[in-house]
C-alpha atoms as a PDB file:
ATOM      1  CA  UNK A   1       0.000   0.000   0.000  1.00  0.00           C
ATOM      2  CA  UNK A   2       1.458   3.351  -1.010  1.00  0.00           C
ATOM      3  CA  UNK A   3       0.756   6.393   1.097  1.00  0.00           C
ATOM      4  CA  UNK A   4       0.369   9.853  -0.408  1.00  0.00           C
ATOM      5  CA  UNK A   5       3.574  11.925  -0.214  1.00  0.00           C
ATOM      6  CA  UNK A   6       2.116  14.323   2.373  1.00  0.00           C
ATOM      7  CA  UNK A   7       1.338  11.394   4.685  1.00  0.00           C
ATOM      8  CA  UNK A   8       4.804   9.903   4.251  1.00  0.00           C
ATOM      9  CA  UNK A   9       6.305  13.301   5.098  1.00  0.00           C
ATOM     10  CA  UNK A  10       4.098  13.578   8.194  1.00  0.00           C
ATOM     11  CA  UNK A  11       5.087  10.074   9.322  1.00  0.00           C
ATOM     12  CA  UNK A  12       8.783  10.833   8.770  1.00  0.00           C
ATOM     13  CA  UNK A  13       8.501  14.118  10.674  1.00  0.00           C
ATOM     14  CA  UNK A  14       6.845  12.301  13.590  1.00  0.00           C
ATOM     15  CA  UNK A  15       9.506   9.580  13.537  1.00  0.00           C
ATOM     16  CA  UNK A  16      12.246  12.231  13.588  1.00  0.00           C
ATOM     17  CA  UNK A  17      10.559  14.000  16.520  1.00  0.00           C
ATOM     18  CA  UNK A  18      10.126  10.795  18.534  1.00  0.00           C
ATOM     19  CA  UNK A  19      13.679   9.634  17.746  1.00  0.00           C
ATOM     20  CA  UNK A  20      15.063  12.952  18.923  1.00  0.00           C
ATOM     21  CA  UNK A  21      13.083  12.744  22.164  1.00  0.00           C
ATOM     22  CA  UNK A  22      14.214   9.161  22.767  1.00  0.00           C
ATOM     23  CA  UNK A  23      17.844  10.175  22.203  1.00  0.00           C
ATOM     24  CA  UNK A  24      17.562  12.536  25.180  1.00  0.00           C
ATOM     25  CA  UNK A  25      16.088  10.042  27.679  1.00  0.00           C
ATOM     26  CA  UNK A  26      18.329   9.772  30.765  1.00  0.00           C
ATOM     27  CA  UNK A  27      18.161   5.968  31.028  1.00  0.00           C
ATOM     28  CA  UNK A  28      19.014   5.481  27.380  1.00  0.00           C
ATOM     29  CA  UNK A  29      21.832   8.039  27.639  1.00  0.00           C
ATOM     30  CA  UNK A  30      23.291   6.083  30.564  1.00  0.00           C
ATOM     31  CA  UNK A  31      23.131   2.806  28.641  1.00  0.00           C
ATOM     32  CA  UNK A  32      24.584   4.472  25.544  1.00  0.00           C
ATOM     33  CA  UNK A  33      27.484   5.859  27.611  1.00  0.00           C
ATOM     34  CA  UNK A  34      28.165   2.370  28.977  1.00  0.00           C
ATOM     35  CA  UNK A  35      28.119   1.067  25.414  1.00  0.00           C
ATOM     36  CA  UNK A  36      30.567   3.760  24.318  1.00  0.00           C
ATOM     37  CA  UNK A  37      32.902   2.901  27.208  1.00  0.00           C
ATOM     38  CA  UNK A  38      32.768  -0.781  26.284  1.00  0.00           C
ATOM     39  CA  UNK A  39      33.570   0.164  22.676  1.00  0.00           C
ATOM     40  CA  UNK A  40      36.635   2.120  23.810  1.00  0.00           C
ATOM     41  CA  UNK A  41      37.757  -1.002  25.645  1.00  0.00           C
ATOM     42  CA  UNK A  42      37.870  -2.846  22.348  1.00  0.00           C
ATOM     43  CA  UNK A  43      41.024  -1.070  21.317  1.00  0.00           C
ATOM     44  CA  UNK A  44      42.965  -2.310  24.319  1.00  0.00           C
ATOM     45  CA  UNK A  45      43.202  -5.801  22.795  1.00  0.00           C
ATOM     46  CA  UNK A  46      44.863  -6.775  19.556  1.00  0.00           C
ATOM     47  CA  UNK A  47      42.207  -9.167  18.261  1.00  0.00           C
ATOM     48  CA  UNK A  48      38.998  -7.312  18.952  1.00  0.00           C
ATOM     49  CA  UNK A  49      36.618 -10.210  18.364  1.00  0.00           C
ATOM     50  CA  UNK A  50      38.559 -12.442  20.757  1.00  0.00           C
ATOM     51  CA  UNK A  51      38.687  -9.957  23.626  1.00  0.00           C
ATOM     52  CA  UNK A  52      36.162  -9.937  26.485  1.00  0.00           C
ATOM     53  CA  UNK A  53      35.738  -6.231  25.731  1.00  0.00           C
ATOM     54  CA  UNK A  54      34.243  -7.038  22.352  1.00  0.00           C
ATOM     55  CA  UNK A  55      31.678  -9.383  23.865  1.00  0.00           C
ATOM     56  CA  UNK A  56      30.818  -6.750  26.479  1.00  0.00           C
ATOM     57  CA  UNK A  57      30.482  -4.017  23.856  1.00  0.00           C
ATOM     58  CA  UNK A  58      28.405  -6.236  21.576  1.00  0.00           C
ATOM     59  CA  UNK A  59      26.085  -7.152  24.442  1.00  0.00           C
ATOM     60  CA  UNK A  60      25.635  -3.527  25.489  1.00  0.00           C
ATOM     61  CA  UNK A  61      25.112  -2.427  21.893  1.00  0.00           C
ATOM     62  CA  UNK A  62      22.356  -5.000  21.418  1.00  0.00           C
ATOM     63  CA  UNK A  63      20.665  -3.850  24.651  1.00  0.00           C
ATOM     64  CA  UNK A  64      20.904  -0.203  23.583  1.00  0.00           C
ATOM     65  CA  UNK A  65      19.402  -0.860  20.164  1.00  0.00           C
ATOM     66  CA  UNK A  66      16.701  -2.992  21.744  1.00  0.00           C
ATOM     67  CA  UNK A  67      15.751  -0.178  24.116  1.00  0.00           C
ATOM     68  CA  UNK A  68      15.639   2.336  21.270  1.00  0.00           C
ATOM     69  CA  UNK A  69      13.519   0.042  19.113  1.00  0.00           C
ATOM     70  CA  UNK A  70      11.143  -0.730  21.966  1.00  0.00           C
ATOM     71  CA  UNK A  71      10.555   2.962  22.631  1.00  0.00           C
ATOM     72  CA  UNK A  72      10.044   3.713  18.934  1.00  0.00           C
ATOM     73  CA  UNK A  73       7.612   0.814  18.620  1.00  0.00           C
ATOM     74  CA  UNK A  74       5.598   1.806  21.680  1.00  0.00           C
ATOM     75  CA  UNK A  75       5.365   5.438  20.565  1.00  0.00           C
ATOM     76  CA  UNK A  76       4.316   4.319  17.094  1.00  0.00           C
ATOM     77  CA  UNK A  77       1.666   2.101  18.637  1.00  0.00           C
ATOM     78  CA  UNK A  78       0.395   4.993  20.783  1.00  0.00           C
ATOM     79  CA  UNK A  79       0.325   7.301  17.766  1.00  0.00           C
ATOM     80  CA  UNK A  80      -1.519   4.701  15.692  1.00  0.00           C
ATOM     81  CA  UNK A  81      -4.126   4.147  18.393  1.00  0.00           C
ATOM     82  CA  UNK A  82      -4.565   7.881  18.878  1.00  0.00           C
ATOM     83  CA  UNK A  83      -4.994   8.388  15.124  1.00  0.00           C
ATOM     84  CA  UNK A  84      -7.499   5.528  14.908  1.00  0.00           C
ATOM     85  CA  UNK A  85      -9.531   6.859  17.827  1.00  0.00           C
ATOM     86  CA  UNK A  86      -9.502  10.343  16.311  1.00  0.00           C
ATOM     87  CA  UNK A  87     -10.619   9.089  12.910  1.00  0.00           C
ATOM     88  CA  UNK A  88     -13.317   6.871  14.392  1.00  0.00           C
ATOM     89  CA  UNK A  89     -14.502   9.688  16.637  1.00  0.00           C
ATOM     90  CA  UNK A  90     -14.712  12.056  13.666  1.00  0.00           C
ATOM     91  CA  UNK A  91     -16.525   9.424  11.605  1.00  0.00           C
ATOM     92  CA  UNK A  92     -19.025   8.759  14.396  1.00  0.00           C
ATOM     93  CA  UNK A  93     -19.554  12.518  14.869  1.00  0.00           C
ATOM     94  CA  UNK A  94     -20.268  12.999  11.161  1.00  0.00           C
ATOM     95  CA  UNK A  95     -22.610   9.978  11.110  1.00  0.00           C
ATOM     96  CA  UNK A  96     -24.554  11.343  14.097  1.00  0.00           C
ATOM     97  CA  UNK A  97     -24.842  14.779  12.488  1.00  0.00           C
ATOM     98  CA  UNK A  98     -25.995  13.244   9.184  1.00  0.00           C
ATOM     99  CA  UNK A  99     -28.701  11.240  10.956  1.00  0.00           C
ATOM    100  CA  UNK A 100     -29.801  14.330  12.889  1.00  0.00           C
ATOM    101  CA  UNK A 101     -30.089  16.389   9.702  1.00  0.00           C
ATOM    102  CA  UNK A 102     -32.008  13.596   7.987  1.00  0.00           C
ATOM    103  CA  UNK A 103     -34.410  13.398  10.947  1.00  0.00           C
ATOM    104  CA  UNK A 104     -34.968  17.165  10.910  1.00  0.00           C
ATOM    105  CA  UNK A 105     -35.535  17.174   7.144  1.00  0.00           C
ATOM    106  CA  UNK A 106     -37.929  14.205   7.368  1.00  0.00           C
ATOM    107  CA  UNK A 107     -40.088  15.915  10.043  1.00  0.00           C
ATOM    108  CA  UNK A 108     -40.847  19.452   8.804  1.00  0.00           C
END
């Protein structure tokens, strides 16, 4: 299913906004800093993939990406539910108004 360009732009703008907000979360910043420190430890060994530092960095990196993805997913889910509720509410409002107008027009 292809979305109209204006909708794709709106979705991308929302994704950028949410990503930016997630980047500033204190817990994620702490985990990211730990990941960065583990990455720096990689260069202490000669064979990076064989050092315990690599395994530690890789583990922390996976946790960091998992946290970011979880937050993006949950915000996307919230946005989708909010959009659905808004659209359904608008649709129900218009349906109620249409029925009211039809009733008024039918009973002069």
